[in-house]
Amino acid sequence: MKILITGANGFIGRALSQHLVSLAKYSVVGTCRKPSDVASDIQMVSTGEVDGNTGWDQALQGVDTVIHLAARAHVLDAGSEDPVLEFERINVQGAVNLAQQAVKAGVRRFIFISSIGVNGSETHDGAFTESDEPKPHAEYARSKLKAERELSELLAGETMELIVIRPPLVYAAEAPGNFNRLLKLIATGVPLPFAAVENKRSMIALENLVDFIELCIGHPSAANELFLVSDGTDFSISEIINLLALGMGRKERLFRVPDALIRSVASAVGKRSLYTQLCRSLVVDNKKSRALLNWAPARKAHDALVESGERFRLL
């Protein structure tokens, strides 16, 4: 079975391509922006930037399943660019253009990696589910929701099946973004003011997300479905720090600061979004993936977090 992975040199794409190749039942083609972005273990095709004008003919030849990871992520300080238009051009128009060409190429299944941000930035009384009304709070998430809807409309009545996956924060030792910043802070041993924060966060280990995506390639019940996935165990920010520190062989250094004070300081310095990600709750209900696909996370969250700390220490 031939699989096309867009964004194959990204954080998730590298792990996914390596996993699929290791199974020996897949032929994997990856796409990248520049010819220099080459992974030695899969066939790579340079497509340039992904947008509404990208040509996919070469990459789509003989492909059974497309896994669309390439996207413009959480970048809102792009100089003179209009960031909203850039999200539209890459995340929406790029995805729809690829799907249109995939239909013409006879692709069987299109797996779109979206974001839990489509549901919202935090939960209150209950966990996010697939049936919730979307409430994105950032331009990135709004672009992902628009892409989901336009893909669904485009593929209605087509033979190509659409699968949408909305993961929460994906973590590993090599993770980018705020998880990487948290790892670096813990490694320095600097005291962190989260001992009084009582929240719950759903996340998913990179290995578990890769395993779930691979399951969606062939499972008949995955066709034309939306899935929210997570490790299935939720932790407070203090527990996350404790487990990462354990993996690093360090003693966690936490002290108590009232949540309201952390929020006020974060707002004053323009970091309210970071405060939400660290201190507010975001819980995902993954019952659908378990019941419909009989999926269970390959790694326990506790072990995966400890291992992330261990591996980060060795990087």
C-alpha atoms as a PDB file:
ATOM      1  CA  MET A   1       0.000   0.000   0.000  1.00  0.00           C
ATOM      2  CA  LYS A   2       1.449   3.340  -1.037  1.00  0.00           C
ATOM      3  CA  ILE A   3       1.114   6.185   1.478  1.00  0.00           C
ATOM      4  CA  LEU A   4       1.741   9.892   0.858  1.00  0.00           C
ATOM      5  CA  ILE A   5       2.725  11.918   3.927  1.00  0.00           C
ATOM      6  CA  THR A   6       2.832  15.686   3.523  1.00  0.00           C
ATOM      7  CA  GLY A   7       5.150  17.466   5.924  1.00  0.00           C
ATOM      8  CA  ALA A   8       7.152  14.253   6.245  1.00  0.00           C
ATOM      9  CA  ASN A   9      10.164  16.057   7.716  1.00  0.00           C
ATOM     10  CA  GLY A  10       8.177  17.620  10.539  1.00  0.00           C
ATOM     11  CA  PHE A  11       7.952  16.480  14.146  1.00  0.00           C
ATOM     12  CA  ILE A  12       5.034  14.099  13.555  1.00  0.00           C
ATOM     13  CA  GLY A  13       5.845  13.354   9.926  1.00  0.00           C
ATOM     14  CA  ARG A  14       9.320  11.984  10.621  1.00  0.00           C
ATOM     15  CA  ALA A  15       8.087   9.636  13.329  1.00  0.00           C
ATOM     16  CA  LEU A  16       5.125   8.496  11.240  1.00  0.00           C
ATOM     17  CA  SER A  17       7.167   7.818   8.111  1.00  0.00           C
ATOM     18  CA  GLN A  18       9.777   5.864  10.069  1.00  0.00           C
ATOM     19  CA  HIS A  19       7.070   3.807  11.761  1.00  0.00           C
ATOM     20  CA  LEU A  20       5.289   2.952   8.515  1.00  0.00           C
ATOM     21  CA  VAL A  21       8.512   1.994   6.774  1.00  0.00           C
ATOM     22  CA  SER A  22       9.420  -0.282   9.691  1.00  0.00           C
ATOM     23  CA  LEU A  23       6.206  -2.255   9.214  1.00  0.00           C
ATOM     24  CA  ALA A  24       7.336  -3.308   5.714  1.00  0.00           C
ATOM     25  CA  LYS A  25       3.764  -3.394   4.361  1.00  0.00           C
ATOM     26  CA  TYR A  26       3.757   0.227   3.230  1.00  0.00           C
ATOM     27  CA  SER A  27       5.548   2.113   0.501  1.00  0.00           C
ATOM     28  CA  VAL A  28       5.970   5.652   1.798  1.00  0.00           C
ATOM     29  CA  VAL A  29       6.335   8.864  -0.181  1.00  0.00           C
ATOM     30  CA  GLY A  30       7.009  12.057   1.731  1.00  0.00           C
ATOM     31  CA  THR A  31       6.775  15.639   0.565  1.00  0.00           C
ATOM     32  CA  CYS A  32       8.919  18.570   1.623  1.00  0.00           C
ATOM     33  CA  ARG A  33       9.261  22.230   0.673  1.00  0.00           C
ATOM     34  CA  LYS A  34      12.892  22.206  -0.477  1.00  0.00           C
ATOM     35  CA  PRO A  35      15.059  19.598  -2.231  1.00  0.00           C
ATOM     36  CA  SER A  36      17.521  19.682   0.673  1.00  0.00           C
ATOM     37  CA  ASP A  37      14.863  18.355   3.059  1.00  0.00           C
ATOM     38  CA  VAL A  38      15.558  14.680   2.409  1.00  0.00           C
ATOM     39  CA  ALA A  39      14.963  11.713   4.694  1.00  0.00           C
ATOM     40  CA  SER A  40      17.054   8.725   3.663  1.00  0.00           C
ATOM     41  CA  ASP A  41      14.540   5.998   4.522  1.00  0.00           C
ATOM     42  CA  ILE A  42      11.618   7.114   2.333  1.00  0.00           C
ATOM     43  CA  GLN A  43      11.106   8.500  -1.145  1.00  0.00           C
ATOM     44  CA  MET A  44      10.914  12.292  -0.946  1.00  0.00           C
ATOM     45  CA  VAL A  45       9.261  14.648  -3.415  1.00  0.00           C
ATOM     46  CA  SER A  46       9.855  18.400  -3.308  1.00  0.00           C
ATOM     47  CA  THR A  47       6.571  20.256  -3.854  1.00  0.00           C
ATOM     48  CA  GLY A  48       7.508  23.752  -2.772  1.00  0.00           C
ATOM     49  CA  GLU A  49       5.095  25.560  -0.506  1.00  0.00           C
ATOM     50  CA  VAL A  50       1.731  23.935   0.113  1.00  0.00           C
ATOM     51  CA  ASP A  51      -1.109  26.197  -1.015  1.00  0.00           C
ATOM     52  CA  GLY A  52      -3.906  26.353  -3.546  1.00  0.00           C
ATOM     53  CA  ASN A  53      -1.471  26.239  -6.480  1.00  0.00           C
ATOM     54  CA  THR A  54       0.736  23.317  -5.479  1.00  0.00           C
ATOM     55  CA  GLY A  55       1.096  20.601  -8.088  1.00  0.00           C
ATOM     56  CA  TRP A  56       0.784  17.096  -6.645  1.00  0.00           C
ATOM     57  CA  ASP A  57       0.829  14.905  -9.776  1.00  0.00           C
ATOM     58  CA  GLN A  58       4.232  13.344  -9.145  1.00  0.00           C
ATOM     59  CA  ALA A  59       3.645  12.748  -5.441  1.00  0.00           C
ATOM     60  CA  LEU A  60       0.181  11.197  -5.935  1.00  0.00           C
ATOM     61  CA  GLN A  61       1.128   8.566  -8.504  1.00  0.00           C
ATOM     62  CA  GLY A  62      -0.177   5.192  -7.306  1.00  0.00           C
ATOM     63  CA  VAL A  63      -1.039   6.496  -3.823  1.00  0.00           C
ATOM     64  CA  ASP A  64      -3.716   4.692  -1.818  1.00  0.00           C
ATOM     65  CA  THR A  65      -3.855   6.978   1.250  1.00  0.00           C
ATOM     66  CA  VAL A  66      -2.865  10.600   1.829  1.00  0.00           C
ATOM     67  CA  ILE A  67      -1.934  11.730   5.350  1.00  0.00           C
ATOM     68  CA  HIS A  68      -1.967  15.523   5.351  1.00  0.00           C
ATOM     69  CA  LEU A  69       0.264  16.938   8.078  1.00  0.00           C
ATOM     70  CA  ALA A  70       1.770  19.947   6.316  1.00  0.00           C
ATOM     71  CA  ALA A  71       0.383  23.179   7.734  1.00  0.00           C
ATOM     72  CA  ARG A  72       1.201  26.655   8.896  1.00  0.00           C
ATOM     73  CA  ALA A  73       1.314  26.377  12.657  1.00  0.00           C
ATOM     74  CA  HIS A  74       0.850  28.929  15.447  1.00  0.00           C
ATOM     75  CA  VAL A  75       2.719  31.855  13.857  1.00  0.00           C
ATOM     76  CA  LEU A  76       1.168  35.270  14.272  1.00  0.00           C
ATOM     77  CA  ASP A  77       4.234  37.517  14.025  1.00  0.00           C
ATOM     78  CA  ALA A  78       5.222  37.056  10.411  1.00  0.00           C
ATOM     79  CA  GLY A  79       6.412  40.596   9.750  1.00  0.00           C
ATOM     80  CA  SER A  80       4.556  42.284   6.906  1.00  0.00           C
ATOM     81  CA  GLU A  81       2.469  39.213   6.092  1.00  0.00           C
ATOM     82  CA  ASP A  82      -1.213  39.065   6.923  1.00  0.00           C
ATOM     83  CA  PRO A  83      -1.196  36.013   9.242  1.00  0.00           C
ATOM     84  CA  VAL A  84      -4.926  35.331   8.809  1.00  0.00           C
ATOM     85  CA  LEU A  85      -4.566  35.227   5.028  1.00  0.00           C
ATOM     86  CA  GLU A  86      -1.514  32.987   5.371  1.00  0.00           C
ATOM     87  CA  PHE A  87      -3.468  30.494   7.484  1.00  0.00           C
ATOM     88  CA  GLU A  88      -6.206  30.563   4.835  1.00  0.00           C
ATOM     89  CA  ARG A  89      -3.763  30.134   1.947  1.00  0.00           C
ATOM     90  CA  ILE A  90      -1.786  27.254   3.427  1.00  0.00           C
ATOM     91  CA  ASN A  91      -4.068  25.451   5.877  1.00  0.00           C
ATOM     92  CA  VAL A  92      -7.335  25.764   3.965  1.00  0.00           C
ATOM     93  CA  GLN A  93      -6.581  26.282   0.296  1.00  0.00           C
ATOM     94  CA  GLY A  94      -3.565  23.970   0.490  1.00  0.00           C
ATOM     95  CA  ALA A  95      -5.591  21.117   1.989  1.00  0.00           C
ATOM     96  CA  VAL A  96      -8.513  21.513  -0.413  1.00  0.00           C
ATOM     97  CA  ASN A  97      -6.244  21.694  -3.456  1.00  0.00           C
ATOM     98  CA  LEU A  98      -4.473  18.496  -2.393  1.00  0.00           C
ATOM     99  CA  ALA A  99      -7.790  16.715  -1.814  1.00  0.00           C
ATOM    100  CA  GLN A 100      -9.102  17.774  -5.238  1.00  0.00           C
ATOM    101  CA  GLN A 101      -6.044  16.348  -6.945  1.00  0.00           C
ATOM    102  CA  ALA A 102      -6.162  13.230  -4.768  1.00  0.00           C
ATOM    103  CA  VAL A 103      -9.717  12.536  -5.934  1.00  0.00           C
ATOM    104  CA  LYS A 104      -8.614  12.805  -9.562  1.00  0.00           C
ATOM    105  CA  ALA A 105      -5.673  10.489  -8.846  1.00  0.00           C
ATOM    106  CA  GLY A 106      -7.985   7.793  -7.457  1.00  0.00           C
ATOM    107  CA  VAL A 107      -6.784   7.983  -3.845  1.00  0.00           C
ATOM    108  CA  ARG A 108      -8.890   5.801  -1.529  1.00  0.00           C
ATOM    109  CA  ARG A 109      -8.551   7.632   1.790  1.00  0.00           C
ATOM    110  CA  PHE A 110      -7.566  11.151   2.934  1.00  0.00           C
ATOM    111  CA  ILE A 111      -6.482  11.530   6.584  1.00  0.00           C
ATOM    112  CA  PHE A 112      -6.478  15.150   7.724  1.00  0.00           C
ATOM    113  CA  ILE A 113      -4.610  16.006  10.915  1.00  0.00           C
ATOM    114  CA  SER A 114      -6.486  18.870  12.519  1.00  0.00           C
ATOM    115  CA  SER A 115      -6.264  20.206  16.093  1.00  0.00           C
ATOM    116  CA  ILE A 116      -8.154  20.003  19.365  1.00  0.00           C
ATOM    117  CA  GLY A 117      -8.103  23.787  19.217  1.00  0.00           C
ATOM    118  CA  VAL A 118     -11.083  23.456  16.866  1.00  0.00           C
ATOM    119  CA  ASN A 119     -13.137  22.440  19.924  1.00  0.00           C
ATOM    120  CA  GLY A 120     -11.794  25.281  22.050  1.00  0.00           C
ATOM    121  CA  SER A 121      -8.913  26.354  24.237  1.00  0.00           C
ATOM    122  CA  GLU A 122     -10.132  24.877  27.533  1.00  0.00           C
ATOM    123  CA  THR A 123     -12.771  22.693  29.133  1.00  0.00           C
ATOM    124  CA  HIS A 124     -14.872  23.445  32.178  1.00  0.00           C
ATOM    125  CA  ASP A 125     -17.512  20.943  33.331  1.00  0.00           C
ATOM    126  CA  GLY A 126     -16.835  18.095  30.918  1.00  0.00           C
ATOM    127  CA  ALA A 127     -14.451  16.709  28.325  1.00  0.00           C
ATOM    128  CA  PHE A 128     -14.433  17.627  24.656  1.00  0.00           C
ATOM    129  CA  THR A 129     -16.194  15.118  22.406  1.00  0.00           C
ATOM    130  CA  GLU A 130     -16.673  14.720  18.676  1.00  0.00           C
ATOM    131  CA  SER A 131     -20.279  15.933  18.939  1.00  0.00           C
ATOM    132  CA  ASP A 132     -19.430  19.282  20.562  1.00  0.00           C
ATOM    133  CA  GLU A 133     -20.023  22.502  18.679  1.00  0.00           C
ATOM    134  CA  PRO A 134     -16.612  23.791  17.556  1.00  0.00           C
ATOM    135  CA  LYS A 135     -15.427  26.921  19.366  1.00  0.00           C
ATOM    136  CA  PRO A 136     -11.929  27.768  18.092  1.00  0.00           C
ATOM    137  CA  HIS A 137     -10.250  30.709  19.847  1.00  0.00           C
ATOM    138  CA  ALA A 138      -7.221  31.259  17.600  1.00  0.00           C
ATOM    139  CA  GLU A 139      -6.683  31.872  13.898  1.00  0.00           C
ATOM    140  CA  TYR A 140      -4.770  28.614  13.523  1.00  0.00           C
ATOM    141  CA  ALA A 141      -7.675  26.602  14.929  1.00  0.00           C
ATOM    142  CA  ARG A 142     -10.204  28.561  12.892  1.00  0.00           C
ATOM    143  CA  SER A 143      -8.271  27.728   9.737  1.00  0.00           C
ATOM    144  CA  LYS A 144      -8.251  24.040  10.677  1.00  0.00           C
ATOM    145  CA  LEU A 145     -12.010  24.078  11.224  1.00  0.00           C
ATOM    146  CA  LYS A 146     -12.580  25.789   7.892  1.00  0.00           C
ATOM    147  CA  ALA A 147     -10.385  23.204   6.189  1.00  0.00           C
ATOM    148  CA  GLU A 148     -12.348  20.376   7.838  1.00  0.00           C
ATOM    149  CA  ARG A 149     -15.629  21.804   6.611  1.00  0.00           C
ATOM    150  CA  GLU A 150     -14.447  22.496   3.080  1.00  0.00           C
ATOM    151  CA  LEU A 151     -12.919  19.023   2.804  1.00  0.00           C
ATOM    152  CA  SER A 152     -16.154  17.466   4.031  1.00  0.00           C
ATOM    153  CA  GLU A 153     -18.168  19.461   1.495  1.00  0.00           C
ATOM    154  CA  LEU A 154     -15.749  18.661  -1.323  1.00  0.00           C
ATOM    155  CA  LEU A 155     -15.740  14.922  -0.650  1.00  0.00           C
ATOM    156  CA  ALA A 156     -19.469  14.489  -0.084  1.00  0.00           C
ATOM    157  CA  GLY A 157     -20.534  11.972  -2.695  1.00  0.00           C
ATOM    158  CA  GLU A 158     -16.960  11.149  -3.726  1.00  0.00           C
ATOM    159  CA  THR A 159     -15.462   7.692  -3.349  1.00  0.00           C
ATOM    160  CA  MET A 160     -12.423   9.039  -1.491  1.00  0.00           C
ATOM    161  CA  GLU A 161     -12.990   8.698   2.257  1.00  0.00           C
ATOM    162  CA  LEU A 162     -12.179  11.511   4.688  1.00  0.00           C
ATOM    163  CA  ILE A 163     -10.861  10.929   8.210  1.00  0.00           C
ATOM    164  CA  VAL A 164     -10.272  13.900  10.516  1.00  0.00           C
ATOM    165  CA  ILE A 165      -8.117  13.569  13.642  1.00  0.00           C
ATOM    166  CA  ARG A 166      -7.977  16.334  16.279  1.00  0.00           C
ATOM    167  CA  PRO A 167      -5.092  15.631  18.653  1.00  0.00           C
ATOM    168  CA  PRO A 168      -4.327  17.697  21.745  1.00  0.00           C
ATOM    169  CA  LEU A 169      -0.711  18.590  22.546  1.00  0.00           C
ATOM    170  CA  VAL A 170       1.609  15.959  21.050  1.00  0.00           C
ATOM    171  CA  TYR A 171       4.684  15.357  23.172  1.00  0.00           C
ATOM    172  CA  ALA A 172       8.065  13.670  22.993  1.00  0.00           C
ATOM    173  CA  ALA A 173      11.638  14.632  23.837  1.00  0.00           C
ATOM    174  CA  GLU A 174      11.952  16.261  20.400  1.00  0.00           C
ATOM    175  CA  ALA A 175       8.650  18.134  20.561  1.00  0.00           C
ATOM    176  CA  PRO A 176       8.727  21.784  19.456  1.00  0.00           C
ATOM    177  CA  GLY A 177       6.894  24.774  20.885  1.00  0.00           C
ATOM    178  CA  ASN A 178       5.772  25.180  24.467  1.00  0.00           C
ATOM    179  CA  PHE A 179       6.505  21.572  25.428  1.00  0.00           C
ATOM    180  CA  ASN A 180      10.110  22.088  24.384  1.00  0.00           C
ATOM    181  CA  ARG A 181      10.263  25.280  26.444  1.00  0.00           C
ATOM    182  CA  LEU A 182       8.901  23.424  29.457  1.00  0.00           C
ATOM    183  CA  LEU A 183      11.515  20.684  29.064  1.00  0.00           C
ATOM    184  CA  LYS A 184      14.275  23.285  28.945  1.00  0.00           C
ATOM    185  CA  LEU A 185      12.970  25.045  32.053  1.00  0.00           C
ATOM    186  CA  ILE A 186      12.832  21.800  34.021  1.00  0.00           C
ATOM    187  CA  ALA A 187      16.337  20.883  32.859  1.00  0.00           C
ATOM    188  CA  THR A 188      17.740  24.154  34.213  1.00  0.00           C
ATOM    189  CA  GLY A 189      16.333  23.435  37.662  1.00  0.00           C
ATOM    190  CA  VAL A 190      14.697  26.844  37.900  1.00  0.00           C
ATOM    191  CA  PRO A 191      11.804  26.852  40.412  1.00  0.00           C
ATOM    192  CA  LEU A 192       8.380  26.962  38.752  1.00  0.00           C
ATOM    193  CA  PRO A 193       5.278  28.586  40.295  1.00  0.00           C
ATOM    194  CA  PHE A 194       2.690  25.880  39.600  1.00  0.00           C
ATOM    195  CA  ALA A 195       2.350  23.966  42.877  1.00  0.00           C
ATOM    196  CA  ALA A 196      -1.056  25.526  43.594  1.00  0.00           C
ATOM    197  CA  VAL A 197      -2.502  25.025  40.098  1.00  0.00           C
ATOM    198  CA  GLU A 198      -5.251  22.416  40.036  1.00  0.00           C
ATOM    199  CA  ASN A 199      -5.977  21.605  36.416  1.00  0.00           C
ATOM    200  CA  LYS A 200      -6.185  18.577  34.114  1.00  0.00           C
ATOM    201  CA  ARG A 201      -4.623  18.347  30.685  1.00  0.00           C
ATOM    202  CA  SER A 202      -5.146  15.679  28.031  1.00  0.00           C
ATOM    203  CA  MET A 203      -2.149  15.097  25.785  1.00  0.00           C
ATOM    204  CA  ILE A 204      -0.980  12.383  23.435  1.00  0.00           C
ATOM    205  CA  ALA A 205       2.459  10.821  23.190  1.00  0.00           C
ATOM    206  CA  LEU A 206       3.963  10.995  19.715  1.00  0.00           C
ATOM    207  CA  GLU A 207       4.167   7.207  19.627  1.00  0.00           C
ATOM    208  CA  ASN A 208       0.467   6.899  20.452  1.00  0.00           C
ATOM    209  CA  LEU A 209      -0.603   9.382  17.782  1.00  0.00           C
ATOM    210  CA  VAL A 210       1.521   7.615  15.170  1.00  0.00           C
ATOM    211  CA  ASP A 211      -0.058   4.304  16.169  1.00  0.00           C
ATOM    212  CA  PHE A 212      -3.565   5.754  15.846  1.00  0.00           C
ATOM    213  CA  ILE A 213      -2.882   7.298  12.437  1.00  0.00           C
ATOM    214  CA  GLU A 214      -1.564   3.961  11.178  1.00  0.00           C
ATOM    215  CA  LEU A 215      -4.724   2.242  12.407  1.00  0.00           C
ATOM    216  CA  CYS A 216      -6.830   4.746  10.465  1.00  0.00           C
ATOM    217  CA  ILE A 217      -5.077   3.867   7.200  1.00  0.00           C
ATOM    218  CA  GLY A 218      -6.807   0.525   6.914  1.00  0.00           C
ATOM    219  CA  HIS A 219      -9.607   0.210   9.465  1.00  0.00           C
ATOM    220  CA  PRO A 220     -12.941   0.086   7.607  1.00  0.00           C
ATOM    221  CA  SER A 221     -14.848   1.730  10.478  1.00  0.00           C
ATOM    222  CA  ALA A 222     -12.617   4.813  10.363  1.00  0.00           C
ATOM    223  CA  ALA A 223     -14.011   5.936   7.005  1.00  0.00           C
ATOM    224  CA  ASN A 224     -15.621   9.392   7.009  1.00  0.00           C
ATOM    225  CA  GLU A 225     -15.264   9.804  10.776  1.00  0.00           C
ATOM    226  CA  LEU A 226     -13.951  12.468  13.136  1.00  0.00           C
ATOM    227  CA  PHE A 227     -11.787  11.388  16.072  1.00  0.00           C
ATOM    228  CA  LEU A 228     -10.542  13.106  19.211  1.00  0.00           C
ATOM    229  CA  VAL A 229      -7.584  11.144  20.539  1.00  0.00           C
ATOM    230  CA  SER A 230      -5.470  11.274  23.677  1.00  0.00           C
ATOM    231  CA  ASP A 231      -3.398   9.074  25.972  1.00  0.00           C
ATOM    232  CA  GLY A 232      -6.509   8.538  28.083  1.00  0.00           C
ATOM    233  CA  THR A 233      -4.844   9.735  31.291  1.00  0.00           C
ATOM    234  CA  ASP A 234      -4.978  13.396  32.268  1.00  0.00           C
ATOM    235  CA  PHE A 235      -2.422  15.211  34.409  1.00  0.00           C
ATOM    236  CA  SER A 236      -2.118  18.536  36.178  1.00  0.00           C
ATOM    237  CA  ILE A 237       0.760  20.787  35.164  1.00  0.00           C
ATOM    238  CA  SER A 238       2.485  19.874  38.452  1.00  0.00           C
ATOM    239  CA  GLU A 239       2.186  16.160  37.684  1.00  0.00           C
ATOM    240  CA  ILE A 240       3.543  16.700  34.173  1.00  0.00           C
ATOM    241  CA  ILE A 241       6.543  18.575  35.563  1.00  0.00           C
ATOM    242  CA  ASN A 242       7.123  15.893  38.202  1.00  0.00           C
ATOM    243  CA  LEU A 243       7.174  13.088  35.621  1.00  0.00           C
ATOM    244  CA  LEU A 244       9.456  14.947  33.216  1.00  0.00           C
ATOM    245  CA  ALA A 245      11.827  15.823  36.071  1.00  0.00           C
ATOM    246  CA  LEU A 246      11.818  12.184  37.154  1.00  0.00           C
ATOM    247  CA  GLY A 247      12.951  11.177  33.682  1.00  0.00           C
ATOM    248  CA  MET A 248      15.712  13.767  33.765  1.00  0.00           C
ATOM    249  CA  GLY A 249      16.915  12.503  37.129  1.00  0.00           C
ATOM    250  CA  ARG A 250      16.090  15.831  38.733  1.00  0.00           C
ATOM    251  CA  LYS A 251      14.001  16.764  41.726  1.00  0.00           C
ATOM    252  CA  GLU A 252      11.052  18.876  40.683  1.00  0.00           C
ATOM    253  CA  ARG A 253      11.201  22.429  42.017  1.00  0.00           C
ATOM    254  CA  LEU A 254       7.691  23.814  42.420  1.00  0.00           C
ATOM    255  CA  PHE A 255       6.443  26.593  44.639  1.00  0.00           C
ATOM    256  CA  ARG A 256       2.980  27.941  45.306  1.00  0.00           C
ATOM    257  CA  VAL A 257       1.674  31.081  43.604  1.00  0.00           C
ATOM    258  CA  PRO A 258      -2.080  31.749  43.490  1.00  0.00           C
ATOM    259  CA  ASP A 259      -3.581  30.986  40.115  1.00  0.00           C
ATOM    260  CA  ALA A 260      -5.115  34.448  39.902  1.00  0.00           C
ATOM    261  CA  LEU A 261      -1.688  36.044  40.286  1.00  0.00           C
ATOM    262  CA  ILE A 262      -0.162  33.831  37.571  1.00  0.00           C
ATOM    263  CA  ARG A 263      -3.049  34.792  35.288  1.00  0.00           C
ATOM    264  CA  SER A 264      -2.616  38.502  35.984  1.00  0.00           C
ATOM    265  CA  VAL A 265       1.111  38.454  35.347  1.00  0.00           C
ATOM    266  CA  ALA A 266       0.677  36.408  32.173  1.00  0.00           C
ATOM    267  CA  SER A 267      -1.936  38.834  30.870  1.00  0.00           C
ATOM    268  CA  ALA A 268       0.259  41.828  31.709  1.00  0.00           C
ATOM    269  CA  VAL A 269       3.181  40.476  29.663  1.00  0.00           C
ATOM    270  CA  GLY A 270       1.053  39.298  26.740  1.00  0.00           C
ATOM    271  CA  LYS A 271       1.232  35.582  27.578  1.00  0.00           C
ATOM    272  CA  ARG A 272      -2.420  34.837  28.315  1.00  0.00           C
ATOM    273  CA  SER A 273      -2.462  32.025  25.735  1.00  0.00           C
ATOM    274  CA  LEU A 274       0.548  30.388  27.416  1.00  0.00           C
ATOM    275  CA  TYR A 275      -1.173  30.693  30.791  1.00  0.00           C
ATOM    276  CA  THR A 276      -4.240  28.926  29.359  1.00  0.00           C
ATOM    277  CA  GLN A 277      -2.135  26.078  27.991  1.00  0.00           C
ATOM    278  CA  LEU A 278      -0.267  25.573  31.259  1.00  0.00           C
ATOM    279  CA  CYS A 279      -2.812  26.353  33.946  1.00  0.00           C
ATOM    280  CA  ARG A 280      -6.303  25.795  32.583  1.00  0.00           C
ATOM    281  CA  SER A 281      -7.907  22.420  31.952  1.00  0.00           C
ATOM    282  CA  LEU A 282      -8.336  20.783  28.565  1.00  0.00           C
ATOM    283  CA  VAL A 283      -9.747  17.268  28.752  1.00  0.00           C
ATOM    284  CA  VAL A 284     -10.486  15.035  25.762  1.00  0.00           C
ATOM    285  CA  ASP A 285     -12.922  12.120  25.698  1.00  0.00           C
ATOM    286  CA  ASN A 286     -11.371   9.407  23.497  1.00  0.00           C
ATOM    287  CA  LYS A 287     -14.150   6.834  23.948  1.00  0.00           C
ATOM    288  CA  LYS A 288     -15.137   6.923  20.270  1.00  0.00           C
ATOM    289  CA  SER A 289     -11.712   5.832  19.051  1.00  0.00           C
ATOM    290  CA  ARG A 290     -11.660   3.033  21.613  1.00  0.00           C
ATOM    291  CA  ALA A 291     -15.183   1.791  20.881  1.00  0.00           C
ATOM    292  CA  LEU A 292     -15.346   2.191  17.102  1.00  0.00           C
ATOM    293  CA  LEU A 293     -11.783   1.156  16.242  1.00  0.00           C
ATOM    294  CA  ASN A 294     -10.978  -0.918  19.335  1.00  0.00           C
ATOM    295  CA  TRP A 295      -7.919   1.295  19.806  1.00  0.00           C
ATOM    296  CA  ALA A 296      -5.888   1.510  22.977  1.00  0.00           C
ATOM    297  CA  PRO A 297      -2.799   3.728  23.396  1.00  0.00           C
ATOM    298  CA  ALA A 298       0.390   1.799  22.749  1.00  0.00           C
ATOM    299  CA  ARG A 299       2.185   3.548  25.627  1.00  0.00           C
ATOM    300  CA  LYS A 300       0.945   4.559  29.063  1.00  0.00           C
ATOM    301  CA  ALA A 301       1.061   8.302  29.571  1.00  0.00           C
ATOM    302  CA  HIS A 302       3.077   8.035  32.804  1.00  0.00           C
ATOM    303  CA  ASP A 303       5.818   6.016  31.086  1.00  0.00           C
ATOM    304  CA  ALA A 304       5.831   8.179  27.962  1.00  0.00           C
ATOM    305  CA  LEU A 305       6.310  11.380  29.971  1.00  0.00           C
ATOM    306  CA  VAL A 306       9.133   9.904  32.030  1.00  0.00           C
ATOM    307  CA  GLU A 307      10.792   8.651  28.849  1.00  0.00           C
ATOM    308  CA  SER A 308      10.444  12.099  27.274  1.00  0.00           C
ATOM    309  CA  GLY A 309      12.437  13.527  30.181  1.00  0.00           C
ATOM    310  CA  GLU A 310      15.041  10.770  29.914  1.00  0.00           C
ATOM    311  CA  ARG A 311      15.548  11.255  26.177  1.00  0.00           C
ATOM    312  CA  PHE A 312      15.617  15.034  26.431  1.00  0.00           C
ATOM    313  CA  ARG A 313      18.473  14.795  28.909  1.00  0.00           C
ATOM    314  CA  LEU A 314      20.474  12.867  26.279  1.00  0.00           C
ATOM    315  CA  LEU A 315      19.775  15.203  23.351  1.00  0.00           C
END
